[in-house]
Amino acid sequence: MRAILVLIGLIALGVVAAMAMGMLSFNQQSGGSLPTVSVQGGKLPSYSAETGSVGIGNTAKTVEVPTVEMKKATVVLPTIDVKQAPGASPTPAAR
């Protein structure tokens, strides 16, 4: 399947390239027209539909809601200490 799609794509690119280089040209020889169609008579069908209803409103209810308590605690956090090597200079991007 992929091979067919690749082949069609290559053919399309070849046609576009040939048209761009002037090696392929399409010229219309005569004008075209759509056929004439006439519609006479007929009647659209009629339908009857009954629908339900939807009610939207508000109701007050008492519910349990969790509470959040904030307290201070001491925790140990990791730290990183970076020291530059003696005599090294920063990279040009860092200047």
C-alpha atoms as a PDB file:
ATOM      1  CA  MET A   1       0.000   0.000   0.000  1.00  0.00           C
ATOM      2  CA  ARG A   2       2.806   2.376   0.913  1.00  0.00           C
ATOM      3  CA  ALA A   3       4.632   1.540  -2.299  1.00  0.00           C
ATOM      4  CA  ILE A   4       1.596   2.509  -4.350  1.00  0.00           C
ATOM      5  CA  LEU A   5       1.257   5.815  -2.483  1.00  0.00           C
ATOM      6  CA  VAL A   6       4.960   6.544  -2.949  1.00  0.00           C
ATOM      7  CA  LEU A   7       4.680   5.747  -6.655  1.00  0.00           C
ATOM      8  CA  ILE A   8       1.665   8.043  -7.068  1.00  0.00           C
ATOM      9  CA  GLY A   9       3.515  10.799  -5.185  1.00  0.00           C
ATOM     10  CA  LEU A  10       6.589  10.431  -7.393  1.00  0.00           C
ATOM     11  CA  ILE A  11       4.462  10.564 -10.530  1.00  0.00           C
ATOM     12  CA  ALA A  12       2.718  13.719  -9.272  1.00  0.00           C
ATOM     13  CA  LEU A  13       6.094  15.334  -8.503  1.00  0.00           C
ATOM     14  CA  GLY A  14       7.316  14.373 -11.973  1.00  0.00           C
ATOM     15  CA  VAL A  15       4.284  15.977 -13.624  1.00  0.00           C
ATOM     16  CA  VAL A  16       4.701  19.167 -11.582  1.00  0.00           C
ATOM     17  CA  ALA A  17       8.427  19.309 -12.408  1.00  0.00           C
ATOM     18  CA  ALA A  18       7.750  18.776 -16.134  1.00  0.00           C
ATOM     19  CA  MET A  19       5.146  21.574 -16.099  1.00  0.00           C
ATOM     20  CA  ALA A  20       7.540  23.896 -14.247  1.00  0.00           C
ATOM     21  CA  MET A  21      10.293  23.320 -16.825  1.00  0.00           C
ATOM     22  CA  GLY A  22       7.925  23.863 -19.731  1.00  0.00           C
ATOM     23  CA  MET A  23       8.179  20.293 -20.968  1.00  0.00           C
ATOM     24  CA  LEU A  24       4.502  19.584 -20.324  1.00  0.00           C
ATOM     25  CA  SER A  25       1.648  21.921 -21.115  1.00  0.00           C
ATOM     26  CA  PHE A  26      -2.119  21.540 -20.936  1.00  0.00           C
ATOM     27  CA  ASN A  27      -4.301  23.670 -23.233  1.00  0.00           C
ATOM     28  CA  GLN A  28      -8.088  23.643 -23.308  1.00  0.00           C
ATOM     29  CA  GLN A  29      -9.377  22.992 -26.844  1.00  0.00           C
ATOM     30  CA  SER A  30     -13.051  23.710 -26.273  1.00  0.00           C
ATOM     31  CA  GLY A  31     -15.245  24.942 -23.432  1.00  0.00           C
ATOM     32  CA  GLY A  32     -17.345  22.618 -21.356  1.00  0.00           C
ATOM     33  CA  SER A  33     -20.853  22.977 -19.960  1.00  0.00           C
ATOM     34  CA  LEU A  34     -23.062  21.226 -17.481  1.00  0.00           C
ATOM     35  CA  PRO A  35     -26.114  19.359 -18.722  1.00  0.00           C
ATOM     36  CA  THR A  36     -29.483  21.051 -18.304  1.00  0.00           C
ATOM     37  CA  VAL A  37     -31.822  19.424 -15.828  1.00  0.00           C
ATOM     38  CA  SER A  38     -35.446  20.297 -15.268  1.00  0.00           C
ATOM     39  CA  VAL A  39     -37.430  19.279 -12.215  1.00  0.00           C
ATOM     40  CA  GLN A  40     -41.203  19.236 -12.425  1.00  0.00           C
ATOM     41  CA  GLY A  41     -43.794  18.357  -9.834  1.00  0.00           C
ATOM     42  CA  GLY A  42     -43.001  16.457  -6.696  1.00  0.00           C
ATOM     43  CA  LYS A  43     -43.803  17.047  -3.054  1.00  0.00           C
ATOM     44  CA  LEU A  44     -41.665  17.061   0.052  1.00  0.00           C
ATOM     45  CA  PRO A  45     -42.654  14.574   2.762  1.00  0.00           C
ATOM     46  CA  SER A  46     -44.219  15.944   5.932  1.00  0.00           C
ATOM     47  CA  TYR A  47     -43.216  14.838   9.432  1.00  0.00           C
ATOM     48  CA  SER A  48     -44.632  15.223  12.899  1.00  0.00           C
ATOM     49  CA  ALA A  49     -42.333  15.114  15.927  1.00  0.00           C
ATOM     50  CA  GLU A  50     -42.984  15.198  19.647  1.00  0.00           C
ATOM     51  CA  THR A  51     -40.176  16.022  22.027  1.00  0.00           C
ATOM     52  CA  GLY A  52     -39.685  15.740  25.761  1.00  0.00           C
ATOM     53  CA  SER A  53     -38.710  18.609  28.051  1.00  0.00           C
ATOM     54  CA  VAL A  54     -35.680  19.250  30.243  1.00  0.00           C
ATOM     55  CA  GLY A  55     -35.928  21.266  33.447  1.00  0.00           C
ATOM     56  CA  ILE A  56     -32.926  23.061  34.926  1.00  0.00           C
ATOM     57  CA  GLY A  57     -32.900  24.500  38.427  1.00  0.00           C
ATOM     58  CA  ASN A  58     -31.077  24.785  41.764  1.00  0.00           C
ATOM     59  CA  THR A  59     -31.510  22.902  45.015  1.00  0.00           C
ATOM     60  CA  ALA A  60     -29.798  23.739  48.316  1.00  0.00           C
ATOM     61  CA  LYS A  61     -28.314  20.670  50.043  1.00  0.00           C
ATOM     62  CA  THR A  62     -25.982  20.270  53.027  1.00  0.00           C
ATOM     63  CA  VAL A  63     -22.971  18.100  52.240  1.00  0.00           C
ATOM     64  CA  GLU A  64     -19.697  17.258  53.993  1.00  0.00           C
ATOM     65  CA  VAL A  65     -16.733  19.163  52.607  1.00  0.00           C
ATOM     66  CA  PRO A  66     -13.124  18.317  53.532  1.00  0.00           C
ATOM     67  CA  THR A  67     -11.045  21.066  55.127  1.00  0.00           C
ATOM     68  CA  VAL A  68      -7.343  21.684  54.644  1.00  0.00           C
ATOM     69  CA  GLU A  69      -5.198  22.596  57.628  1.00  0.00           C
ATOM     70  CA  MET A  70      -1.843  24.321  57.115  1.00  0.00           C
ATOM     71  CA  LYS A  71       0.913  23.786  59.676  1.00  0.00           C
ATOM     72  CA  LYS A  72       4.650  24.430  59.703  1.00  0.00           C
ATOM     73  CA  ALA A  73       7.037  21.489  59.700  1.00  0.00           C
ATOM     74  CA  THR A  74      10.813  21.228  59.354  1.00  0.00           C
ATOM     75  CA  VAL A  75      11.997  18.999  56.522  1.00  0.00           C
ATOM     76  CA  VAL A  76      15.457  18.246  55.141  1.00  0.00           C
ATOM     77  CA  LEU A  77      15.917  19.339  51.522  1.00  0.00           C
ATOM     78  CA  PRO A  78      18.827  18.376  49.246  1.00  0.00           C
ATOM     79  CA  THR A  79      21.257  21.099  48.161  1.00  0.00           C
ATOM     80  CA  ILE A  80      23.770  21.307  45.336  1.00  0.00           C
ATOM     81  CA  ASP A  81      27.024  23.261  45.644  1.00  0.00           C
ATOM     82  CA  VAL A  82      28.907  23.857  42.378  1.00  0.00           C
ATOM     83  CA  LYS A  83      32.476  25.201  42.504  1.00  0.00           C
ATOM     84  CA  GLN A  84      34.399  26.217  39.411  1.00  0.00           C
ATOM     85  CA  ALA A  85      37.753  24.555  38.831  1.00  0.00           C
ATOM     86  CA  PRO A  86      40.781  26.761  39.606  1.00  0.00           C
ATOM     87  CA  GLY A  87      41.913  28.711  36.514  1.00  0.00           C
ATOM     88  CA  ALA A  88      38.870  27.735  34.406  1.00  0.00           C
ATOM     89  CA  SER A  89      36.921  30.376  32.552  1.00  0.00           C
ATOM     90  CA  PRO A  90      33.236  30.269  31.750  1.00  0.00           C
ATOM     91  CA  THR A  91      32.093  29.210  28.298  1.00  0.00           C
ATOM     92  CA  PRO A  92      31.468  31.997  25.756  1.00  0.00           C
ATOM     93  CA  ALA A  93      27.705  31.416  25.918  1.00  0.00           C
ATOM     94  CA  ALA A  94      27.701  32.025  29.680  1.00  0.00           C
ATOM     95  CA  ARG A  95      29.476  35.400  29.472  1.00  0.00           C
END
